[in-house]
C-alpha atoms as a PDB file:
ATOM      1  CA  MET A   1      22.966  72.536 118.708  1.00  0.00           C
ATOM      2  CA  THR A   2      24.523  72.043 115.255  1.00  0.00           C
ATOM      3  CA  ASN A   3      26.285  68.678 114.669  1.00  0.00           C
ATOM      4  CA  LEU A   4      29.954  69.700 113.163  1.00  0.00           C
ATOM      5  CA  LYS A   5      30.245  66.272 111.241  1.00  0.00           C
ATOM      6  CA  ASN A   6      31.907  66.684 107.768  1.00  0.00           C
ATOM      7  CA  GLN A   7      32.768  70.480 108.225  1.00  0.00           C
ATOM      8  CA  THR A   8      36.249  71.644 108.950  1.00  0.00           C
ATOM      9  CA  ALA A   9      37.679  73.291 111.565  1.00  0.00           C
ATOM     10  CA  ILE A  10      41.350  75.080 111.388  1.00  0.00           C
ATOM     11  CA  ILE A  11      42.775  75.657 114.851  1.00  0.00           C
ATOM     12  CA  THR A  12      45.998  78.203 115.049  1.00  0.00           C
ATOM     13  CA  GLY A  13      47.749  77.873 118.638  1.00  0.00           C
ATOM     14  CA  ALA A  14      46.458  74.327 118.278  1.00  0.00           C
ATOM     15  CA  SER A  15      50.088  72.398 120.103  1.00  0.00           C
ATOM     16  CA  SER A  16      49.100  73.148 123.769  1.00  0.00           C
ATOM     17  CA  GLY A  17      46.673  74.903 126.036  1.00  0.00           C
ATOM     18  CA  ILE A  18      43.645  75.837 124.915  1.00  0.00           C
ATOM     19  CA  GLY A  19      44.412  75.304 121.157  1.00  0.00           C
ATOM     20  CA  LYS A  20      44.726  71.745 121.923  1.00  0.00           C
ATOM     21  CA  ALA A  21      41.543  72.081 124.121  1.00  0.00           C
ATOM     22  CA  ILE A  22      39.415  73.039 121.665  1.00  0.00           C
ATOM     23  CA  ALA A  23      40.827  70.914 118.787  1.00  0.00           C
ATOM     24  CA  HIS A  24      39.991  67.922 121.202  1.00  0.00           C
ATOM     25  CA  HIS A  25      36.118  69.307 121.910  1.00  0.00           C
ATOM     26  CA  LEU A  26      35.630  70.053 118.040  1.00  0.00           C
ATOM     27  CA  ALA A  27      36.920  66.305 116.635  1.00  0.00           C
ATOM     28  CA  ASN A  28      34.269  65.124 119.286  1.00  0.00           C
ATOM     29  CA  GLU A  29      31.566  66.881 117.588  1.00  0.00           C
ATOM     30  CA  GLY A  30      32.639  65.377 114.512  1.00  0.00           C
ATOM     31  CA  ALA A  31      34.821  67.786 112.794  1.00  0.00           C
ATOM     32  CA  ASN A  32      37.909  67.097 110.984  1.00  0.00           C
ATOM     33  CA  VAL A  33      40.741  69.551 112.094  1.00  0.00           C
ATOM     34  CA  VAL A  34      43.776  71.140 110.747  1.00  0.00           C
ATOM     35  CA  LEU A  35      46.324  71.667 113.300  1.00  0.00           C
ATOM     36  CA  ALA A  36      48.557  74.638 112.886  1.00  0.00           C
ATOM     37  CA  ALA A  37      51.506  76.324 115.554  1.00  0.00           C
ATOM     38  CA  ARG A  38      55.278  76.270 115.235  1.00  0.00           C
ATOM     39  CA  ARG A  39      55.774  72.920 117.071  1.00  0.00           C
ATOM     40  CA  ALA A  40      55.399  69.824 114.337  1.00  0.00           C
ATOM     41  CA  GLU A  41      56.276  67.230 117.305  1.00  0.00           C
ATOM     42  CA  LYS A  42      53.316  68.243 119.480  1.00  0.00           C
ATOM     43  CA  LEU A  43      50.714  68.480 116.537  1.00  0.00           C
ATOM     44  CA  ASN A  44      51.567  65.257 115.517  1.00  0.00           C
ATOM     45  CA  GLU A  45      51.439  63.780 118.564  1.00  0.00           C
ATOM     46  CA  LEU A  46      47.669  65.371 119.196  1.00  0.00           C
ATOM     47  CA  ALA A  47      46.632  64.664 115.573  1.00  0.00           C
ATOM     48  CA  GLU A  48      47.635  60.930 116.793  1.00  0.00           C
ATOM     49  CA  GLU A  49      45.528  61.567 119.998  1.00  0.00           C
ATOM     50  CA  ILE A  50      42.355  62.739 118.069  1.00  0.00           C
ATOM     51  CA  THR A  51      42.372  60.199 115.438  1.00  0.00           C
ATOM     52  CA  GLU A  52      42.172  57.545 117.982  1.00  0.00           C
ATOM     53  CA  GLN A  53      39.414  58.929 120.284  1.00  0.00           C
ATOM     54  CA  TYR A  54      37.585  60.258 117.508  1.00  0.00           C
ATOM     55  CA  ASN A  55      36.198  58.991 113.970  1.00  0.00           C
ATOM     56  CA  VAL A  56      37.442  62.113 112.202  1.00  0.00           C
ATOM     57  CA  GLU A  57      40.682  63.532 110.194  1.00  0.00           C
ATOM     58  CA  ALA A  58      43.003  65.385 111.845  1.00  0.00           C
ATOM     59  CA  LYS A  59      45.574  66.967 109.188  1.00  0.00           C
ATOM     60  CA  VAL A  60      49.432  69.064 110.542  1.00  0.00           C
ATOM     61  CA  ILE A  61      50.648  71.990 108.962  1.00  0.00           C
ATOM     62  CA  GLU A  62      53.420  73.332 110.487  1.00  0.00           C
ATOM     63  CA  THR A  63      52.219  77.020 110.910  1.00  0.00           C
ATOM     64  CA  ASP A  64      53.897  80.753 112.009  1.00  0.00           C
ATOM     65  CA  VAL A  65      50.870  83.198 112.382  1.00  0.00           C
ATOM     66  CA  THR A  66      53.454  86.070 112.079  1.00  0.00           C
ATOM     67  CA  LYS A  67      54.335  84.970 108.416  1.00  0.00           C
ATOM     68  CA  ARG A  68      51.467  85.608 105.618  1.00  0.00           C
ATOM     69  CA  GLU A  69      52.311  83.210 103.625  1.00  0.00           C
ATOM     70  CA  ASP A  70      52.287  80.195 105.742  1.00  0.00           C
ATOM     71  CA  VAL A  71      48.610  81.006 107.010  1.00  0.00           C
ATOM     72  CA  GLU A  72      47.902  81.624 102.963  1.00  0.00           C
ATOM     73  CA  LYS A  73      49.323  78.053 102.742  1.00  0.00           C
ATOM     74  CA  LEU A  74      47.235  76.821 106.043  1.00  0.00           C
ATOM     75  CA  VAL A  75      44.163  77.514 104.129  1.00  0.00           C
ATOM     76  CA  SER A  76      45.207  76.297 100.830  1.00  0.00           C
ATOM     77  CA  GLU A  77      46.245  73.095 101.500  1.00  0.00           C
ATOM     78  CA  THR A  78      43.330  72.569 103.970  1.00  0.00           C
ATOM     79  CA  LYS A  79      41.586  73.035 101.049  1.00  0.00           C
ATOM     80  CA  SER A  80      43.004  70.692  99.243  1.00  0.00           C
ATOM     81  CA  ALA A  81      42.939  68.312 101.662  1.00  0.00           C
ATOM     82  CA  PHE A  82      39.106  69.004 102.643  1.00  0.00           C
ATOM     83  CA  ASN A  83      37.518  71.096  99.751  1.00  0.00           C
ATOM     84  CA  THR A  84      36.205  73.811 102.688  1.00  0.00           C
ATOM     85  CA  VAL A  85      37.258  75.790 105.477  1.00  0.00           C
ATOM     86  CA  ASP A  86      34.010  75.895 108.174  1.00  0.00           C
ATOM     87  CA  LEU A  87      35.724  76.982 111.382  1.00  0.00           C
ATOM     88  CA  PHE A  88      39.075  79.078 111.676  1.00  0.00           C
ATOM     89  CA  ILE A  89      39.784  79.702 115.497  1.00  0.00           C
ATOM     90  CA  ASN A  90      42.277  82.731 115.283  1.00  0.00           C
ATOM     91  CA  ASN A  91      43.565  81.249 118.501  1.00  0.00           C
ATOM     92  CA  ALA A  92      47.467  81.509 118.282  1.00  0.00           C
ATOM     93  CA  GLY A  93      48.867  84.432 120.891  1.00  0.00           C
ATOM     94  CA  VAL A  94      51.452  85.397 123.509  1.00  0.00           C
ATOM     95  CA  MET A  95      51.177  87.268 127.060  1.00  0.00           C
ATOM     96  CA  LEU A  96      54.254  89.345 127.450  1.00  0.00           C
ATOM     97  CA  LEU A  97      53.260  90.965 130.159  1.00  0.00           C
ATOM     98  CA  SER A  98      55.893  93.694 131.469  1.00  0.00           C
ATOM     99  CA  PHE A  99      56.093  96.888 132.591  1.00  0.00           C
ATOM    100  CA  LEU A 100      56.373 100.341 130.228  1.00  0.00           C
ATOM    101  CA  LYS A 101      59.003 101.726 132.282  1.00  0.00           C
ATOM    102  CA  ASN A 102      60.936  98.374 131.734  1.00  0.00           C
ATOM    103  CA  ASP A 103      60.922  99.137 127.784  1.00  0.00           C
ATOM    104  CA  HIS A 104      60.944  95.486 126.613  1.00  0.00           C
ATOM    105  CA  VAL A 105      59.930  96.703 123.667  1.00  0.00           C
ATOM    106  CA  ASP A 106      61.011  93.807 121.606  1.00  0.00           C
ATOM    107  CA  GLU A 107      58.077  91.434 123.316  1.00  0.00           C
ATOM    108  CA  TRP A 108      55.883  94.617 122.260  1.00  0.00           C
ATOM    109  CA  GLU A 109      56.461  93.737 118.881  1.00  0.00           C
ATOM    110  CA  GLN A 110      55.898  90.199 119.295  1.00  0.00           C
ATOM    111  CA  MET A 111      52.648  90.588 120.559  1.00  0.00           C
ATOM    112  CA  VAL A 112      51.772  93.019 118.284  1.00  0.00           C
ATOM    113  CA  ASP A 113      53.008  90.644 115.020  1.00  0.00           C
ATOM    114  CA  VAL A 114      50.729  87.710 116.421  1.00  0.00           C
ATOM    115  CA  ASN A 115      47.733  88.996 119.116  1.00  0.00           C
ATOM    116  CA  ILE A 116      46.814  91.249 115.751  1.00  0.00           C
ATOM    117  CA  LYS A 117      48.592  90.625 112.889  1.00  0.00           C
ATOM    118  CA  GLY A 118      48.570  86.834 113.355  1.00  0.00           C
ATOM    119  CA  VAL A 119      44.447  87.180 113.262  1.00  0.00           C
ATOM    120  CA  LEU A 120      44.582  89.464 110.470  1.00  0.00           C
ATOM    121  CA  TYR A 121      46.141  86.792 108.375  1.00  0.00           C
ATOM    122  CA  GLY A 122      43.992  84.215 109.351  1.00  0.00           C
ATOM    123  CA  ILE A 123      40.958  86.211 108.467  1.00  0.00           C
ATOM    124  CA  HIS A 124      42.391  87.319 105.129  1.00  0.00           C
ATOM    125  CA  ALA A 125      43.192  83.743 104.168  1.00  0.00           C
ATOM    126  CA  SER A 126      40.125  81.961 105.223  1.00  0.00           C
ATOM    127  CA  LEU A 127      37.286  84.839 104.404  1.00  0.00           C
ATOM    128  CA  PRO A 128      37.144  84.684 100.855  1.00  0.00           C
ATOM    129  CA  THR A 129      36.274  80.853 101.185  1.00  0.00           C
ATOM    130  CA  MET A 130      33.737  81.530 103.708  1.00  0.00           C
ATOM    131  CA  ILE A 131      31.403  84.086 101.626  1.00  0.00           C
ATOM    132  CA  GLU A 132      32.398  82.013  98.383  1.00  0.00           C
ATOM    133  CA  GLN A 133      30.572  79.357 100.196  1.00  0.00           C
ATOM    134  CA  GLU A 134      28.082  81.607 102.005  1.00  0.00           C
ATOM    135  CA  SER A 135      28.785  79.875 105.484  1.00  0.00           C
ATOM    136  CA  GLY A 136      32.018  79.714 107.917  1.00  0.00           C
ATOM    137  CA  HIS A 137      32.029  80.776 111.654  1.00  0.00           C
ATOM    138  CA  ILE A 138      35.631  82.780 112.584  1.00  0.00           C
ATOM    139  CA  VAL A 139      36.478  82.440 115.764  1.00  0.00           C
ATOM    140  CA  ASN A 140      38.631  84.872 117.455  1.00  0.00           C
ATOM    141  CA  VAL A 141      40.610  84.119 121.204  1.00  0.00           C
ATOM    142  CA  SER A 142      40.598  87.321 122.473  1.00  0.00           C
ATOM    143  CA  SER A 143      41.177  88.010 126.355  1.00  0.00           C
ATOM    144  CA  VAL A 144      39.493  89.889 129.150  1.00  0.00           C
ATOM    145  CA  ALA A 145      42.213  91.466 128.875  1.00  0.00           C
ATOM    146  CA  GLY A 146      40.830  93.448 125.842  1.00  0.00           C
ATOM    147  CA  HIS A 147      38.240  94.197 128.447  1.00  0.00           C
ATOM    148  CA  GLU A 148      40.114  96.385 130.729  1.00  0.00           C
ATOM    149  CA  VAL A 149      43.889  97.042 131.540  1.00  0.00           C
ATOM    150  CA  PHE A 150      45.933  96.500 134.687  1.00  0.00           C
ATOM    151  CA  PRO A 151      49.805  97.012 135.318  1.00  0.00           C
ATOM    152  CA  SER A 152      51.511  95.402 133.180  1.00  0.00           C
ATOM    153  CA  SER A 153      48.772  94.222 130.140  1.00  0.00           C
ATOM    154  CA  THR A 154      49.339  98.012 128.746  1.00  0.00           C
ATOM    155  CA  VAL A 155      50.864  96.909 125.552  1.00  0.00           C
ATOM    156  CA  TYR A 156      48.832  92.931 125.334  1.00  0.00           C
ATOM    157  CA  SER A 157      45.817  94.363 126.346  1.00  0.00           C
ATOM    158  CA  ALA A 158      45.971  96.707 123.629  1.00  0.00           C
ATOM    159  CA  THR A 159      46.703  93.671 121.292  1.00  0.00           C
ATOM    160  CA  LYS A 160      43.426  91.996 122.723  1.00  0.00           C
ATOM    161  CA  TYR A 161      41.408  95.238 122.444  1.00  0.00           C
ATOM    162  CA  ALA A 162      42.507  95.409 118.848  1.00  0.00           C
ATOM    163  CA  VAL A 163      41.107  91.691 118.323  1.00  0.00           C
ATOM    164  CA  LYS A 164      37.561  92.705 119.994  1.00  0.00           C
ATOM    165  CA  ALA A 165      37.362  95.804 117.416  1.00  0.00           C
ATOM    166  CA  LEU A 166      37.979  93.547 114.512  1.00  0.00           C
ATOM    167  CA  SER A 167      35.666  90.794 115.679  1.00  0.00           C
ATOM    168  CA  MET A 168      32.665  93.587 116.174  1.00  0.00           C
ATOM    169  CA  GLY A 169      33.324  95.297 112.916  1.00  0.00           C
ATOM    170  CA  MET A 170      33.691  91.514 111.377  1.00  0.00           C
ATOM    171  CA  GLU A 171      30.383  90.837 112.588  1.00  0.00           C
ATOM    172  CA  LYS A 172      28.515  93.972 111.453  1.00  0.00           C
ATOM    173  CA  GLU A 173      30.169  93.858 107.641  1.00  0.00           C
ATOM    174  CA  LEU A 174      29.912  90.296 107.513  1.00  0.00           C
ATOM    175  CA  SER A 175      25.940  89.751 109.672  1.00  0.00           C
ATOM    176  CA  LYS A 176      24.190  89.224 105.464  1.00  0.00           C
ATOM    177  CA  SER A 177      27.013  87.268 104.245  1.00  0.00           C
ATOM    178  CA  GLY A 178      26.388  83.676 105.924  1.00  0.00           C
ATOM    179  CA  VAL A 179      29.600  84.279 107.940  1.00  0.00           C
ATOM    180  CA  ARG A 180      29.671  83.652 112.063  1.00  0.00           C
ATOM    181  CA  VAL A 181      31.620  85.748 114.171  1.00  0.00           C
ATOM    182  CA  THR A 182      32.528  84.567 117.747  1.00  0.00           C
ATOM    183  CA  ASN A 183      34.860  87.052 120.127  1.00  0.00           C
ATOM    184  CA  VAL A 184      36.105  84.561 123.158  1.00  0.00           C
ATOM    185  CA  SER A 185      37.541  86.852 125.798  1.00  0.00           C
ATOM    186  CA  PRO A 186      39.425  84.062 128.669  1.00  0.00           C
ATOM    187  CA  GLY A 187      40.026  84.973 131.922  1.00  0.00           C
ATOM    188  CA  ALA A 188      43.108  83.597 133.755  1.00  0.00           C
ATOM    189  CA  VAL A 189      43.837  79.929 132.325  1.00  0.00           C
ATOM    190  CA  ASP A 190      46.199  77.422 133.659  1.00  0.00           C
ATOM    191  CA  THR A 191      48.605  77.341 129.820  1.00  0.00           C
ATOM    192  CA  GLU A 192      51.600  78.095 129.570  1.00  0.00           C
ATOM    193  CA  LEU A 193      51.339  81.703 128.333  1.00  0.00           C
ATOM    194  CA  THR A 194      52.677  82.843 131.602  1.00  0.00           C
ATOM    195  CA  ASP A 195      55.888  80.743 131.621  1.00  0.00           C
ATOM    196  CA  HIS A 196      56.995  83.199 128.822  1.00  0.00           C
ATOM    197  CA  ILE A 197      57.246  86.315 130.860  1.00  0.00           C
ATOM    198  CA  THR A 198      60.290  87.140 131.574  1.00  0.00           C
ATOM    199  CA  ASP A 199      59.791  90.953 133.325  1.00  0.00           C
ATOM    200  CA  GLY A 200      61.048  90.466 136.838  1.00  0.00           C
ATOM    201  CA  ASP A 201      58.386  93.362 138.012  1.00  0.00           C
ATOM    202  CA  VAL A 202      55.678  91.117 136.950  1.00  0.00           C
ATOM    203  CA  ILE A 203      56.828  87.863 137.768  1.00  0.00           C
ATOM    204  CA  GLU A 204      57.689  89.552 141.968  1.00  0.00           C
ATOM    205  CA  MET A 205      53.664  90.752 141.239  1.00  0.00           C
ATOM    206  CA  PHE A 206      52.404  87.896 140.650  1.00  0.00           C
ATOM    207  CA  LYS A 207      54.110  85.559 143.161  1.00  0.00           C
ATOM    208  CA  ASN A 208      51.795  86.901 146.117  1.00  0.00           C
ATOM    209  CA  ARG A 209      48.411  86.297 144.154  1.00  0.00           C
ATOM    210  CA  SER A 210      46.383  83.290 145.085  1.00  0.00           C
ATOM    211  CA  MET A 211      43.533  82.795 142.181  1.00  0.00           C
ATOM    212  CA  ASP A 212      42.334  79.139 140.683  1.00  0.00           C
ATOM    213  CA  PRO A 213      42.710  79.899 137.076  1.00  0.00           C
ATOM    214  CA  LEU A 214      40.350  78.486 134.821  1.00  0.00           C
ATOM    215  CA  GLU A 215      41.155  74.899 132.618  1.00  0.00           C
ATOM    216  CA  ALA A 216      42.004  75.245 129.005  1.00  0.00           C
ATOM    217  CA  ASP A 217      38.791  72.842 128.678  1.00  0.00           C
ATOM    218  CA  ASP A 218      36.473  75.356 129.638  1.00  0.00           C
ATOM    219  CA  ILE A 219      37.308  77.711 127.227  1.00  0.00           C
ATOM    220  CA  ALA A 220      37.527  75.170 124.561  1.00  0.00           C
ATOM    221  CA  ARG A 221      33.790  74.171 125.954  1.00  0.00           C
ATOM    222  CA  ALA A 222      32.414  78.023 125.399  1.00  0.00           C
ATOM    223  CA  VAL A 223      33.867  77.606 121.425  1.00  0.00           C
ATOM    224  CA  ALA A 224      31.854  74.849 120.647  1.00  0.00           C
ATOM    225  CA  TYR A 225      29.182  76.342 121.935  1.00  0.00           C
ATOM    226  CA  ALA A 226      29.473  79.046 120.004  1.00  0.00           C
ATOM    227  CA  VAL A 227      30.121  76.713 116.659  1.00  0.00           C
ATOM    228  CA  THR A 228      27.424  74.291 117.168  1.00  0.00           C
ATOM    229  CA  GLN A 229      24.194  76.761 117.345  1.00  0.00           C
ATOM    230  CA  PRO A 230      21.775  76.365 114.588  1.00  0.00           C
ATOM    231  CA  SER A 231      22.903  78.271 111.647  1.00  0.00           C
ATOM    232  CA  TYR A 232      20.652  81.456 112.323  1.00  0.00           C
ATOM    233  CA  VAL A 233      21.908  81.982 115.598  1.00  0.00           C
ATOM    234  CA  ASN A 234      25.533  84.242 115.984  1.00  0.00           C
ATOM    235  CA  VAL A 235      27.023  83.795 119.225  1.00  0.00           C
ATOM    236  CA  ASN A 236      29.115  87.252 119.375  1.00  0.00           C
ATOM    237  CA  GLU A 237      30.748  87.681 122.621  1.00  0.00           C
ATOM    238  CA  VAL A 238      31.535  85.265 125.361  1.00  0.00           C
ATOM    239  CA  ILE A 239      33.275  86.142 128.707  1.00  0.00           C
ATOM    240  CA  VAL A 240      34.817  83.181 130.438  1.00  0.00           C
ATOM    241  CA  ARG A 241      36.364  84.105 133.931  1.00  0.00           C
ATOM    242  CA  PRO A 242      37.178  82.351 137.255  1.00  0.00           C
ATOM    243  CA  MET A 243      34.683  83.142 139.767  1.00  0.00           C
ATOM    244  CA  HIS A 244      36.573  85.589 141.741  1.00  0.00           C
ATOM    245  CA  GLN A 245      38.510  86.987 138.892  1.00  0.00           C
ATOM    246  CA  LYS A 246      38.129  91.070 139.221  1.00  0.00           C
END
């Protein structure tokens, strides 16, 4: 396992859930962390937690990943503070499940903007530095919904299939550059993502379903595993599901 001491990790969607857990795990491995999301108050609370618990630096940069200039600024300020970008965790995402017949077109657009464009902006902003360094690691957080489709996940799955396709293409294009790429696909995780679903039919559908979801830490451990492998090892794909999720 490779120690992350003195490396710099940017985590989008760091204000809660999987992003917050990833920040803790990478800081525990010795990385300085740059926390990016829209909710600055939560980011500042997390930065305080991290600096108290680990011997690393934590920097907060309020970021809306749907705005290219925000993500470019995120990387620029990270380089100014730490001189490098070693890890970029494309974690920000939304899961607005809905049935196509209910025509939640505004939510479809939001998922495209966050889940696809947000990831592309992260790649755009961080990759040139990594190519110049001849080292770096981009982790794209997809979903098991990027491997299969279920009723109400049609548009969400389309965005997560796109993330998986991006990861696959990046790995092939960058295999001789020194830049590693990992696609992480979580199954059901106990986060606030489901709280944002507005489709009444979906809410009703899930009322009678029983499943013990994963914890955010379960996904964060998978990310930490992938990014702490020796430099000659590239963990391309990690799928993490609850035991009885189909």
